[in-house]
Amino acid sequence: FADFEKWVIKKAVDEINHAFTSIVI
């Protein structure tokens, strides 16, 4: 799970938050 969190969840959340999307998570 630590790898899944690092490379899938956390990486995706960081990218969404720092892109020009309509949401912050």
mmCIF file of all heavy atoms, coordinates in Angstrom:
data_MODEL
# 
_entry.id   MODEL 
# 
loop_
_atom_site.group_PDB 
_atom_site.id 
_atom_site.type_symbol 
_atom_site.label_atom_id 
_atom_site.label_alt_id 
_atom_site.label_comp_id 
_atom_site.label_asym_id 
_atom_site.label_entity_id 
_atom_site.label_seq_id 
_atom_site.pdbx_PDB_ins_code 
_atom_site.Cartn_x 
_atom_site.Cartn_y 
_atom_site.Cartn_z 
_atom_site.occupancy 
_atom_site.B_iso_or_equiv 
_atom_site.pdbx_formal_charge 
_atom_site.auth_seq_id 
_atom_site.auth_comp_id 
_atom_site.auth_asym_id 
_atom_site.auth_atom_id 
_atom_site.pdbx_PDB_model_num 
ATOM 1   N N   . PHE A 1 1  ? 0.823   -1.203 0.000   1.00 0.00 ? 1  PHE A N   1 
ATOM 2   C CA  . PHE A 1 1  ? 0.000   0.000  0.000   1.00 0.00 ? 1  PHE A CA  1 
ATOM 3   C C   . PHE A 1 1  ? 0.862   1.261  0.000   1.00 0.00 ? 1  PHE A C   1 
ATOM 4   O O   . PHE A 1 1  ? 0.489   2.259  -0.617  1.00 0.00 ? 1  PHE A O   1 
ATOM 5   C CB  . PHE A 1 1  ? -0.946  0.027  1.203   1.00 0.00 ? 1  PHE A CB  1 
ATOM 6   C CG  . PHE A 1 1  ? -1.759  1.291  1.256   1.00 0.00 ? 1  PHE A CG  1 
ATOM 7   C CD1 . PHE A 1 1  ? -2.892  1.422  0.478   1.00 0.00 ? 1  PHE A CD1 1 
ATOM 8   C CD2 . PHE A 1 1  ? -1.356  2.357  2.050   1.00 0.00 ? 1  PHE A CD2 1 
ATOM 9   C CE1 . PHE A 1 1  ? -3.621  2.609  0.485   1.00 0.00 ? 1  PHE A CE1 1 
ATOM 10  C CE2 . PHE A 1 1  ? -2.082  3.537  2.071   1.00 0.00 ? 1  PHE A CE2 1 
ATOM 11  C CZ  . PHE A 1 1  ? -3.220  3.659  1.287   1.00 0.00 ? 1  PHE A CZ  1 
ATOM 12  N N   . ALA A 1 2  ? 1.990   1.235  0.693   1.00 0.00 ? 2  ALA A N   1 
ATOM 13  C CA  . ALA A 1 2  ? 2.864   2.423  0.735   1.00 0.00 ? 2  ALA A CA  1 
ATOM 14  C C   . ALA A 1 2  ? 3.283   2.843  -0.669  1.00 0.00 ? 2  ALA A C   1 
ATOM 15  O O   . ALA A 1 2  ? 3.344   4.038  -0.978  1.00 0.00 ? 2  ALA A O   1 
ATOM 16  C CB  . ALA A 1 2  ? 4.097   2.133  1.596   1.00 0.00 ? 2  ALA A CB  1 
ATOM 17  N N   . ASP A 1 3  ? 3.556   1.873  -1.525  1.00 0.00 ? 3  ASP A N   1 
ATOM 18  C CA  . ASP A 1 3  ? 3.928   2.192  -2.916  1.00 0.00 ? 3  ASP A CA  1 
ATOM 19  C C   . ASP A 1 3  ? 2.719   2.688  -3.697  1.00 0.00 ? 3  ASP A C   1 
ATOM 20  O O   . ASP A 1 3  ? 2.820   3.631  -4.494  1.00 0.00 ? 3  ASP A O   1 
ATOM 21  C CB  . ASP A 1 3  ? 4.515   0.954  -3.597  1.00 0.00 ? 3  ASP A CB  1 
ATOM 22  C CG  . ASP A 1 3  ? 5.863   0.558  -3.023  1.00 0.00 ? 3  ASP A CG  1 
ATOM 23  O OD1 . ASP A 1 3  ? 6.559   1.446  -2.494  1.00 0.00 ? 3  ASP A OD1 1 
ATOM 24  O OD2 . ASP A 1 3  ? 6.212   -0.635 -3.098  1.00 0.00 ? 3  ASP A OD2 1 
ATOM 25  N N   . PHE A 1 4  ? 1.575   2.048  -3.473  1.00 0.00 ? 4  PHE A N   1 
ATOM 26  C CA  . PHE A 1 4  ? 0.355   2.478  -4.158  1.00 0.00 ? 4  PHE A CA  1 
ATOM 27  C C   . PHE A 1 4  ? 0.004   3.910  -3.771  1.00 0.00 ? 4  PHE A C   1 
ATOM 28  O O   . PHE A 1 4  ? -0.370  4.722  -4.623  1.00 0.00 ? 4  PHE A O   1 
ATOM 29  C CB  . PHE A 1 4  ? -0.790  1.533  -3.792  1.00 0.00 ? 4  PHE A CB  1 
ATOM 30  C CG  . PHE A 1 4  ? -2.113  1.910  -4.392  1.00 0.00 ? 4  PHE A CG  1 
ATOM 31  C CD1 . PHE A 1 4  ? -2.355  1.759  -5.743  1.00 0.00 ? 4  PHE A CD1 1 
ATOM 32  C CD2 . PHE A 1 4  ? -3.135  2.419  -3.586  1.00 0.00 ? 4  PHE A CD2 1 
ATOM 33  C CE1 . PHE A 1 4  ? -3.578  2.110  -6.298  1.00 0.00 ? 4  PHE A CE1 1 
ATOM 34  C CE2 . PHE A 1 4  ? -4.362  2.765  -4.133  1.00 0.00 ? 4  PHE A CE2 1 
ATOM 35  C CZ  . PHE A 1 4  ? -4.584  2.610  -5.492  1.00 0.00 ? 4  PHE A CZ  1 
ATOM 36  N N   . GLU A 1 5  ? 0.136   4.210  -2.477  1.00 0.00 ? 5  GLU A N   1 
ATOM 37  C CA  . GLU A 1 5  ? -0.157  5.571  -2.030  1.00 0.00 ? 5  GLU A CA  1 
ATOM 38  C C   . GLU A 1 5  ? 0.811   6.578  -2.648  1.00 0.00 ? 5  GLU A C   1 
ATOM 39  O O   . GLU A 1 5  ? 0.400   7.638  -3.134  1.00 0.00 ? 5  GLU A O   1 
ATOM 40  C CB  . GLU A 1 5  ? -0.078  5.660  -0.499  1.00 0.00 ? 5  GLU A CB  1 
ATOM 41  C CG  . GLU A 1 5  ? -0.365  7.065  0.021   1.00 0.00 ? 5  GLU A CG  1 
ATOM 42  C CD  . GLU A 1 5  ? -0.215  7.190  1.523   1.00 0.00 ? 5  GLU A CD  1 
ATOM 43  O OE1 . GLU A 1 5  ? 0.381   6.289  2.146   1.00 0.00 ? 5  GLU A OE1 1 
ATOM 44  O OE2 . GLU A 1 5  ? -0.694  8.202  2.082   1.00 0.00 ? 5  GLU A OE2 1 
ATOM 45  N N   . LYS A 1 6  ? 2.090   6.244  -2.658  1.00 0.00 ? 6  LYS A N   1 
ATOM 46  C CA  . LYS A 1 6  ? 3.111   7.179  -3.149  1.00 0.00 ? 6  LYS A CA  1 
ATOM 47  C C   . LYS A 1 6  ? 2.976   7.455  -4.637  1.00 0.00 ? 6  LYS A C   1 
ATOM 48  O O   . LYS A 1 6  ? 3.009   8.616  -5.077  1.00 0.00 ? 6  LYS A O   1 
ATOM 49  C CB  . LYS A 1 6  ? 4.504   6.614  -2.852  1.00 0.00 ? 6  LYS A CB  1 
ATOM 50  C CG  . LYS A 1 6  ? 5.648   7.479  -3.381  1.00 0.00 ? 6  LYS A CG  1 
ATOM 51  C CD  . LYS A 1 6  ? 6.998   6.861  -3.044  1.00 0.00 ? 6  LYS A CD  1 
ATOM 52  C CE  . LYS A 1 6  ? 8.136   7.709  -3.591  1.00 0.00 ? 6  LYS A CE  1 
ATOM 53  N NZ  . LYS A 1 6  ? 9.460   7.098  -3.271  1.00 0.00 ? 6  LYS A NZ  1 
ATOM 54  N N   . TRP A 1 7  ? 2.829   6.392  -5.444  1.00 0.00 ? 7  TRP A N   1 
ATOM 55  C CA  . TRP A 1 7  ? 2.894   6.539  -6.894  1.00 0.00 ? 7  TRP A CA  1 
ATOM 56  C C   . TRP A 1 7  ? 1.544   6.737  -7.564  1.00 0.00 ? 7  TRP A C   1 
ATOM 57  O O   . TRP A 1 7  ? 1.487   7.197  -8.712  1.00 0.00 ? 7  TRP A O   1 
ATOM 58  C CB  . TRP A 1 7  ? 3.596   5.328  -7.506  1.00 0.00 ? 7  TRP A CB  1 
ATOM 59  C CG  . TRP A 1 7  ? 5.009   5.198  -7.055  1.00 0.00 ? 7  TRP A CG  1 
ATOM 60  C CD1 . TRP A 1 7  ? 5.542   4.269  -6.214  1.00 0.00 ? 7  TRP A CD1 1 
ATOM 61  C CD2 . TRP A 1 7  ? 6.089   6.079  -7.388  1.00 0.00 ? 7  TRP A CD2 1 
ATOM 62  N NE1 . TRP A 1 7  ? 6.878   4.492  -6.013  1.00 0.00 ? 7  TRP A NE1 1 
ATOM 63  C CE2 . TRP A 1 7  ? 7.237   5.599  -6.727  1.00 0.00 ? 7  TRP A CE2 1 
ATOM 64  C CE3 . TRP A 1 7  ? 6.200   7.211  -8.201  1.00 0.00 ? 7  TRP A CE3 1 
ATOM 65  C CZ2 . TRP A 1 7  ? 8.475   6.223  -6.848  1.00 0.00 ? 7  TRP A CZ2 1 
ATOM 66  C CZ3 . TRP A 1 7  ? 7.431   7.831  -8.324  1.00 0.00 ? 7  TRP A CZ3 1 
ATOM 67  C CH2 . TRP A 1 7  ? 8.547   7.339  -7.642  1.00 0.00 ? 7  TRP A CH2 1 
ATOM 68  N N   . VAL A 1 8  ? 0.471   6.408  -6.873  1.00 0.00 ? 8  VAL A N   1 
ATOM 69  C CA  . VAL A 1 8  ? -0.854  6.566  -7.475  1.00 0.00 ? 8  VAL A CA  1 
ATOM 70  C C   . VAL A 1 8  ? -1.635  7.676  -6.787  1.00 0.00 ? 8  VAL A C   1 
ATOM 71  O O   . VAL A 1 8  ? -1.940  8.698  -7.400  1.00 0.00 ? 8  VAL A O   1 
ATOM 72  C CB  . VAL A 1 8  ? -1.646  5.234  -7.432  1.00 0.00 ? 8  VAL A CB  1 
ATOM 73  C CG1 . VAL A 1 8  ? -3.043  5.425  -8.024  1.00 0.00 ? 8  VAL A CG1 1 
ATOM 74  C CG2 . VAL A 1 8  ? -0.892  4.147  -8.195  1.00 0.00 ? 8  VAL A CG2 1 
ATOM 75  N N   . ILE A 1 9  ? -1.940  7.495  -5.498  1.00 0.00 ? 9  ILE A N   1 
ATOM 76  C CA  . ILE A 1 9  ? -2.819  8.458  -4.822  1.00 0.00 ? 9  ILE A CA  1 
ATOM 77  C C   . ILE A 1 9  ? -2.136  9.808  -4.609  1.00 0.00 ? 9  ILE A C   1 
ATOM 78  O O   . ILE A 1 9  ? -2.626  10.843 -5.074  1.00 0.00 ? 9  ILE A O   1 
ATOM 79  C CB  . ILE A 1 9  ? -3.298  7.892  -3.470  1.00 0.00 ? 9  ILE A CB  1 
ATOM 80  C CG1 . ILE A 1 9  ? -4.021  6.561  -3.667  1.00 0.00 ? 9  ILE A CG1 1 
ATOM 81  C CG2 . ILE A 1 9  ? -4.228  8.894  -2.788  1.00 0.00 ? 9  ILE A CG2 1 
ATOM 82  C CD1 . ILE A 1 9  ? -4.407  5.871  -2.378  1.00 0.00 ? 9  ILE A CD1 1 
ATOM 83  N N   . LYS A 1 10 ? -1.026  9.806  -3.904  1.00 0.00 ? 10 LYS A N   1 
ATOM 84  C CA  . LYS A 1 10 ? -0.373  11.076 -3.549  1.00 0.00 ? 10 LYS A CA  1 
ATOM 85  C C   . LYS A 1 10 ? 0.091   11.841 -4.786  1.00 0.00 ? 10 LYS A C   1 
ATOM 86  O O   . LYS A 1 10 ? -0.086  13.066 -4.886  1.00 0.00 ? 10 LYS A O   1 
ATOM 87  C CB  . LYS A 1 10 ? 0.814   10.825 -2.623  1.00 0.00 ? 10 LYS A CB  1 
ATOM 88  C CG  . LYS A 1 10 ? 1.412   12.100 -2.036  1.00 0.00 ? 10 LYS A CG  1 
ATOM 89  C CD  . LYS A 1 10 ? 2.514   11.784 -1.048  1.00 0.00 ? 10 LYS A CD  1 
ATOM 90  C CE  . LYS A 1 10 ? 2.975   13.062 -0.342  1.00 0.00 ? 10 LYS A CE  1 
ATOM 91  N NZ  . LYS A 1 10 ? 3.445   14.083 -1.297  1.00 0.00 ? 10 LYS A NZ  1 
ATOM 92  N N   . LYS A 1 11 ? 0.675   11.111 -5.733  1.00 0.00 ? 11 LYS A N   1 
ATOM 93  C CA  . LYS A 1 11 ? 1.157   11.776 -6.945  1.00 0.00 ? 11 LYS A CA  1 
ATOM 94  C C   . LYS A 1 11 ? 0.008   12.404 -7.713  1.00 0.00 ? 11 LYS A C   1 
ATOM 95  O O   . LYS A 1 11 ? 0.107   13.533 -8.210  1.00 0.00 ? 11 LYS A O   1 
ATOM 96  C CB  . LYS A 1 11 ? 1.894   10.776 -7.823  1.00 0.00 ? 11 LYS A CB  1 
ATOM 97  C CG  . LYS A 1 11 ? 2.607   11.399 -9.015  1.00 0.00 ? 11 LYS A CG  1 
ATOM 98  C CD  . LYS A 1 11 ? 3.437   10.368 -9.757  1.00 0.00 ? 11 LYS A CD  1 
ATOM 99  C CE  . LYS A 1 11 ? 4.192   11.024 -10.908 1.00 0.00 ? 11 LYS A CE  1 
ATOM 100 N NZ  . LYS A 1 11 ? 4.995   10.027 -11.673 1.00 0.00 ? 11 LYS A NZ  1 
ATOM 101 N N   . ALA A 1 12 ? -1.117  11.693 -7.812  1.00 0.00 ? 12 ALA A N   1 
ATOM 102 C CA  . ALA A 1 12 ? -2.284  12.226 -8.518  1.00 0.00 ? 12 ALA A CA  1 
ATOM 103 C C   . ALA A 1 12 ? -2.871  13.432 -7.792  1.00 0.00 ? 12 ALA A C   1 
ATOM 104 O O   . ALA A 1 12 ? -3.218  14.444 -8.417  1.00 0.00 ? 12 ALA A O   1 
ATOM 105 C CB  . ALA A 1 12 ? -3.334  11.138 -8.683  1.00 0.00 ? 12 ALA A CB  1 
ATOM 106 N N   . VAL A 1 13 ? -2.980  13.350 -6.469  1.00 0.00 ? 13 VAL A N   1 
ATOM 107 C CA  . VAL A 1 13 ? -3.530  14.458 -5.687  1.00 0.00 ? 13 VAL A CA  1 
ATOM 108 C C   . VAL A 1 13 ? -2.662  15.709 -5.826  1.00 0.00 ? 13 VAL A C   1 
ATOM 109 O O   . VAL A 1 13 ? -3.172  16.817 -6.035  1.00 0.00 ? 13 VAL A O   1 
ATOM 110 C CB  . VAL A 1 13 ? -3.668  14.056 -4.199  1.00 0.00 ? 13 VAL A CB  1 
ATOM 111 C CG1 . VAL A 1 13 ? -3.958  15.278 -3.326  1.00 0.00 ? 13 VAL A CG1 1 
ATOM 112 C CG2 . VAL A 1 13 ? -4.771  13.016 -4.036  1.00 0.00 ? 13 VAL A CG2 1 
ATOM 113 N N   . ASP A 1 14 ? -1.349  15.551 -5.718  1.00 0.00 ? 14 ASP A N   1 
ATOM 114 C CA  . ASP A 1 14 ? -0.441  16.695 -5.871  1.00 0.00 ? 14 ASP A CA  1 
ATOM 115 C C   . ASP A 1 14 ? -0.576  17.327 -7.247  1.00 0.00 ? 14 ASP A C   1 
ATOM 116 O O   . ASP A 1 14 ? -0.575  18.560 -7.390  1.00 0.00 ? 14 ASP A O   1 
ATOM 117 C CB  . ASP A 1 14 ? 1.012   16.246 -5.646  1.00 0.00 ? 14 ASP A CB  1 
ATOM 118 C CG  . ASP A 1 14 ? 1.303   15.935 -4.192  1.00 0.00 ? 14 ASP A CG  1 
ATOM 119 O OD1 . ASP A 1 14 ? 0.497   16.332 -3.326  1.00 0.00 ? 14 ASP A OD1 1 
ATOM 120 O OD2 . ASP A 1 14 ? 2.328   15.284 -3.911  1.00 0.00 ? 14 ASP A OD2 1 
ATOM 121 N N   . GLU A 1 15 ? -0.695  16.492 -8.277  1.00 0.00 ? 15 GLU A N   1 
ATOM 122 C CA  . GLU A 1 15 ? -0.795  17.022 -9.639  1.00 0.00 ? 15 GLU A CA  1 
ATOM 123 C C   . GLU A 1 15 ? -2.110  17.770 -9.840  1.00 0.00 ? 15 GLU A C   1 
ATOM 124 O O   . GLU A 1 15 ? -2.129  18.855 -10.431 1.00 0.00 ? 15 GLU A O   1 
ATOM 125 C CB  . GLU A 1 15 ? -0.687  15.871 -10.650 1.00 0.00 ? 15 GLU A CB  1 
ATOM 126 C CG  . GLU A 1 15 ? -0.571  16.353 -12.080 1.00 0.00 ? 15 GLU A CG  1 
ATOM 127 C CD  . GLU A 1 15 ? -0.264  15.231 -13.054 1.00 0.00 ? 15 GLU A CD  1 
ATOM 128 O OE1 . GLU A 1 15 ? 0.231   14.171 -12.624 1.00 0.00 ? 15 GLU A OE1 1 
ATOM 129 O OE2 . GLU A 1 15 ? -0.532  15.421 -14.258 1.00 0.00 ? 15 GLU A OE2 1 
ATOM 130 N N   . ILE A 1 16 ? -3.193  17.214 -9.350  1.00 0.00 ? 16 ILE A N   1 
ATOM 131 C CA  . ILE A 1 16 ? -4.492  17.879 -9.485  1.00 0.00 ? 16 ILE A CA  1 
ATOM 132 C C   . ILE A 1 16 ? -4.494  19.222 -8.765  1.00 0.00 ? 16 ILE A C   1 
ATOM 133 O O   . ILE A 1 16 ? -4.992  20.231 -9.286  1.00 0.00 ? 16 ILE A O   1 
ATOM 134 C CB  . ILE A 1 16 ? -5.610  16.974 -8.933  1.00 0.00 ? 16 ILE A CB  1 
ATOM 135 C CG1 . ILE A 1 16 ? -5.793  15.747 -9.838  1.00 0.00 ? 16 ILE A CG1 1 
ATOM 136 C CG2 . ILE A 1 16 ? -6.926  17.746 -8.813  1.00 0.00 ? 16 ILE A CG2 1 
ATOM 137 C CD1 . ILE A 1 16 ? -6.681  14.669 -9.250  1.00 0.00 ? 16 ILE A CD1 1 
ATOM 138 N N   . ASN A 1 17 ? -3.928  19.265 -7.568  1.00 0.00 ? 17 ASN A N   1 
ATOM 139 C CA  . ASN A 1 17 ? -3.929  20.504 -6.789  1.00 0.00 ? 17 ASN A CA  1 
ATOM 140 C C   . ASN A 1 17 ? -3.073  21.598 -7.404  1.00 0.00 ? 17 ASN A C   1 
ATOM 141 O O   . ASN A 1 17 ? -3.327  22.781 -7.172  1.00 0.00 ? 17 ASN A O   1 
ATOM 142 C CB  . ASN A 1 17 ? -3.450  20.221 -5.355  1.00 0.00 ? 17 ASN A CB  1 
ATOM 143 C CG  . ASN A 1 17 ? -4.514  19.542 -4.510  1.00 0.00 ? 17 ASN A CG  1 
ATOM 144 O OD1 . ASN A 1 17 ? -5.678  19.500 -4.869  1.00 0.00 ? 17 ASN A OD1 1 
ATOM 145 N ND2 . ASN A 1 17 ? -4.100  18.993 -3.385  1.00 0.00 ? 17 ASN A ND2 1 
ATOM 146 N N   . HIS A 1 18 ? -2.058  21.237 -8.162  1.00 0.00 ? 18 HIS A N   1 
ATOM 147 C CA  . HIS A 1 18 ? -1.161  22.242 -8.733  1.00 0.00 ? 18 HIS A CA  1 
ATOM 148 C C   . HIS A 1 18 ? -1.403  22.467 -10.222 1.00 0.00 ? 18 HIS A C   1 
ATOM 149 O O   . HIS A 1 18 ? -0.639  23.169 -10.878 1.00 0.00 ? 18 HIS A O   1 
ATOM 150 C CB  . HIS A 1 18 ? 0.293   21.847 -8.482  1.00 0.00 ? 18 HIS A CB  1 
ATOM 151 C CG  . HIS A 1 18 ? 0.693   21.971 -7.045  1.00 0.00 ? 18 HIS A CG  1 
ATOM 152 N ND1 . HIS A 1 18 ? 0.485   20.950 -6.139  1.00 0.00 ? 18 HIS A ND1 1 
ATOM 153 C CD2 . HIS A 1 18 ? 1.251   22.990 -6.343  1.00 0.00 ? 18 HIS A CD2 1 
ATOM 154 C CE1 . HIS A 1 18 ? 0.912   21.339 -4.940  1.00 0.00 ? 18 HIS A CE1 1 
ATOM 155 N NE2 . HIS A 1 18 ? 1.380   22.569 -5.034  1.00 0.00 ? 18 HIS A NE2 1 
ATOM 156 N N   . ALA A 1 19 ? -2.478  21.881 -10.734 1.00 0.00 ? 19 ALA A N   1 
ATOM 157 C CA  . ALA A 1 19 ? -2.869  22.129 -12.121 1.00 0.00 ? 19 ALA A CA  1 
ATOM 158 C C   . ALA A 1 19 ? -4.051  23.095 -12.123 1.00 0.00 ? 19 ALA A C   1 
ATOM 159 O O   . ALA A 1 19 ? -4.610  23.420 -11.078 1.00 0.00 ? 19 ALA A O   1 
ATOM 160 C CB  . ALA A 1 19 ? -3.234  20.813 -12.812 1.00 0.00 ? 19 ALA A CB  1 
ATOM 161 N N   . PHE A 1 20 ? -4.443  23.527 -13.304 1.00 0.00 ? 20 PHE A N   1 
ATOM 162 C CA  . PHE A 1 20 ? -5.496  24.536 -13.415 1.00 0.00 ? 20 PHE A CA  1 
ATOM 163 C C   . PHE A 1 20 ? -6.853  23.856 -13.521 1.00 0.00 ? 20 PHE A C   1 
ATOM 164 O O   . PHE A 1 20 ? -7.602  24.062 -14.475 1.00 0.00 ? 20 PHE A O   1 
ATOM 165 C CB  . PHE A 1 20 ? -5.222  25.410 -14.646 1.00 0.00 ? 20 PHE A CB  1 
ATOM 166 C CG  . PHE A 1 20 ? -5.892  26.746 -14.580 1.00 0.00 ? 20 PHE A CG  1 
ATOM 167 C CD1 . PHE A 1 20 ? -5.563  27.653 -13.592 1.00 0.00 ? 20 PHE A CD1 1 
ATOM 168 C CD2 . PHE A 1 20 ? -6.833  27.100 -15.520 1.00 0.00 ? 20 PHE A CD2 1 
ATOM 169 C CE1 . PHE A 1 20 ? -6.170  28.901 -13.543 1.00 0.00 ? 20 PHE A CE1 1 
ATOM 170 C CE2 . PHE A 1 20 ? -7.443  28.343 -15.480 1.00 0.00 ? 20 PHE A CE2 1 
ATOM 171 C CZ  . PHE A 1 20 ? -7.113  29.237 -14.503 1.00 0.00 ? 20 PHE A CZ  1 
ATOM 172 N N   . THR A 1 21 ? -7.176  23.007 -12.558 1.00 0.00 ? 21 THR A N   1 
ATOM 173 C CA  . THR A 1 21 ? -8.463  22.328 -12.560 1.00 0.00 ? 21 THR A CA  1 
ATOM 174 C C   . THR A 1 21 ? -9.448  23.092 -11.683 1.00 0.00 ? 21 THR A C   1 
ATOM 175 O O   . THR A 1 21 ? -9.086  24.075 -11.030 1.00 0.00 ? 21 THR A O   1 
ATOM 176 C CB  . THR A 1 21 ? -8.322  20.893 -12.019 1.00 0.00 ? 21 THR A CB  1 
ATOM 177 O OG1 . THR A 1 21 ? -7.995  20.942 -10.627 1.00 0.00 ? 21 THR A OG1 1 
ATOM 178 C CG2 . THR A 1 21 ? -7.225  20.132 -12.760 1.00 0.00 ? 21 THR A CG2 1 
ATOM 179 N N   . SER A 1 22 ? -10.680 22.622 -11.636 1.00 0.00 ? 22 SER A N   1 
ATOM 180 C CA  . SER A 1 22 ? -11.720 23.336 -10.885 1.00 0.00 ? 22 SER A CA  1 
ATOM 181 C C   . SER A 1 22 ? -11.808 22.889 -9.435  1.00 0.00 ? 22 SER A C   1 
ATOM 182 O O   . SER A 1 22 ? -12.604 23.435 -8.677  1.00 0.00 ? 22 SER A O   1 
ATOM 183 C CB  . SER A 1 22 ? -13.085 23.116 -11.557 1.00 0.00 ? 22 SER A CB  1 
ATOM 184 O OG  . SER A 1 22 ? -13.402 21.734 -11.567 1.00 0.00 ? 22 SER A OG  1 
ATOM 185 N N   . ILE A 1 23 ? -10.996 21.898 -9.042  1.00 0.00 ? 23 ILE A N   1 
ATOM 186 C CA  . ILE A 1 23 ? -11.111 21.375 -7.679  1.00 0.00 ? 23 ILE A CA  1 
ATOM 187 C C   . ILE A 1 23 ? -9.764  21.359 -6.959  1.00 0.00 ? 23 ILE A C   1 
ATOM 188 O O   . ILE A 1 23 ? -8.702  21.351 -7.591  1.00 0.00 ? 23 ILE A O   1 
ATOM 189 C CB  . ILE A 1 23 ? -11.697 19.941 -7.671  1.00 0.00 ? 23 ILE A CB  1 
ATOM 190 C CG1 . ILE A 1 23 ? -10.806 18.983 -8.483  1.00 0.00 ? 23 ILE A CG1 1 
ATOM 191 C CG2 . ILE A 1 23 ? -13.123 19.945 -8.189  1.00 0.00 ? 23 ILE A CG2 1 
ATOM 192 C CD1 . ILE A 1 23 ? -11.230 17.521 -8.403  1.00 0.00 ? 23 ILE A CD1 1 
ATOM 193 N N   . VAL A 1 24 ? -9.830  21.344 -5.634  1.00 0.00 ? 24 VAL A N   1 
ATOM 194 C CA  . VAL A 1 24 ? -8.666  21.148 -4.761  1.00 0.00 ? 24 VAL A CA  1 
ATOM 195 C C   . VAL A 1 24 ? -9.042  20.012 -3.818  1.00 0.00 ? 24 VAL A C   1 
ATOM 196 O O   . VAL A 1 24 ? -10.183 19.948 -3.338  1.00 0.00 ? 24 VAL A O   1 
ATOM 197 C CB  . VAL A 1 24 ? -8.326  22.419 -3.960  1.00 0.00 ? 24 VAL A CB  1 
ATOM 198 C CG1 . VAL A 1 24 ? -7.140  22.176 -3.034  1.00 0.00 ? 24 VAL A CG1 1 
ATOM 199 C CG2 . VAL A 1 24 ? -8.039  23.575 -4.896  1.00 0.00 ? 24 VAL A CG2 1 
ATOM 200 N N   . ILE A 1 25 ? -8.100  19.115 -3.550  1.00 0.00 ? 25 ILE A N   1 
ATOM 201 C CA  . ILE A 1 25 ? -8.441  17.928 -2.777  1.00 0.00 ? 25 ILE A CA  1 
ATOM 202 C C   . ILE A 1 25 ? -7.382  17.596 -1.726  1.00 0.00 ? 25 ILE A C   1 
ATOM 203 O O   . ILE A 1 25 ? -6.241  18.066 -1.796  1.00 0.00 ? 25 ILE A O   1 
ATOM 204 C CB  . ILE A 1 25 ? -8.645  16.698 -3.680  1.00 0.00 ? 25 ILE A CB  1 
ATOM 205 C CG1 . ILE A 1 25 ? -7.372  16.404 -4.484  1.00 0.00 ? 25 ILE A CG1 1 
ATOM 206 C CG2 . ILE A 1 25 ? -9.809  16.897 -4.620  1.00 0.00 ? 25 ILE A CG2 1 
ATOM 207 C CD1 . ILE A 1 25 ? -7.492  15.229 -5.438  1.00 0.00 ? 25 ILE A CD1 1 
# 
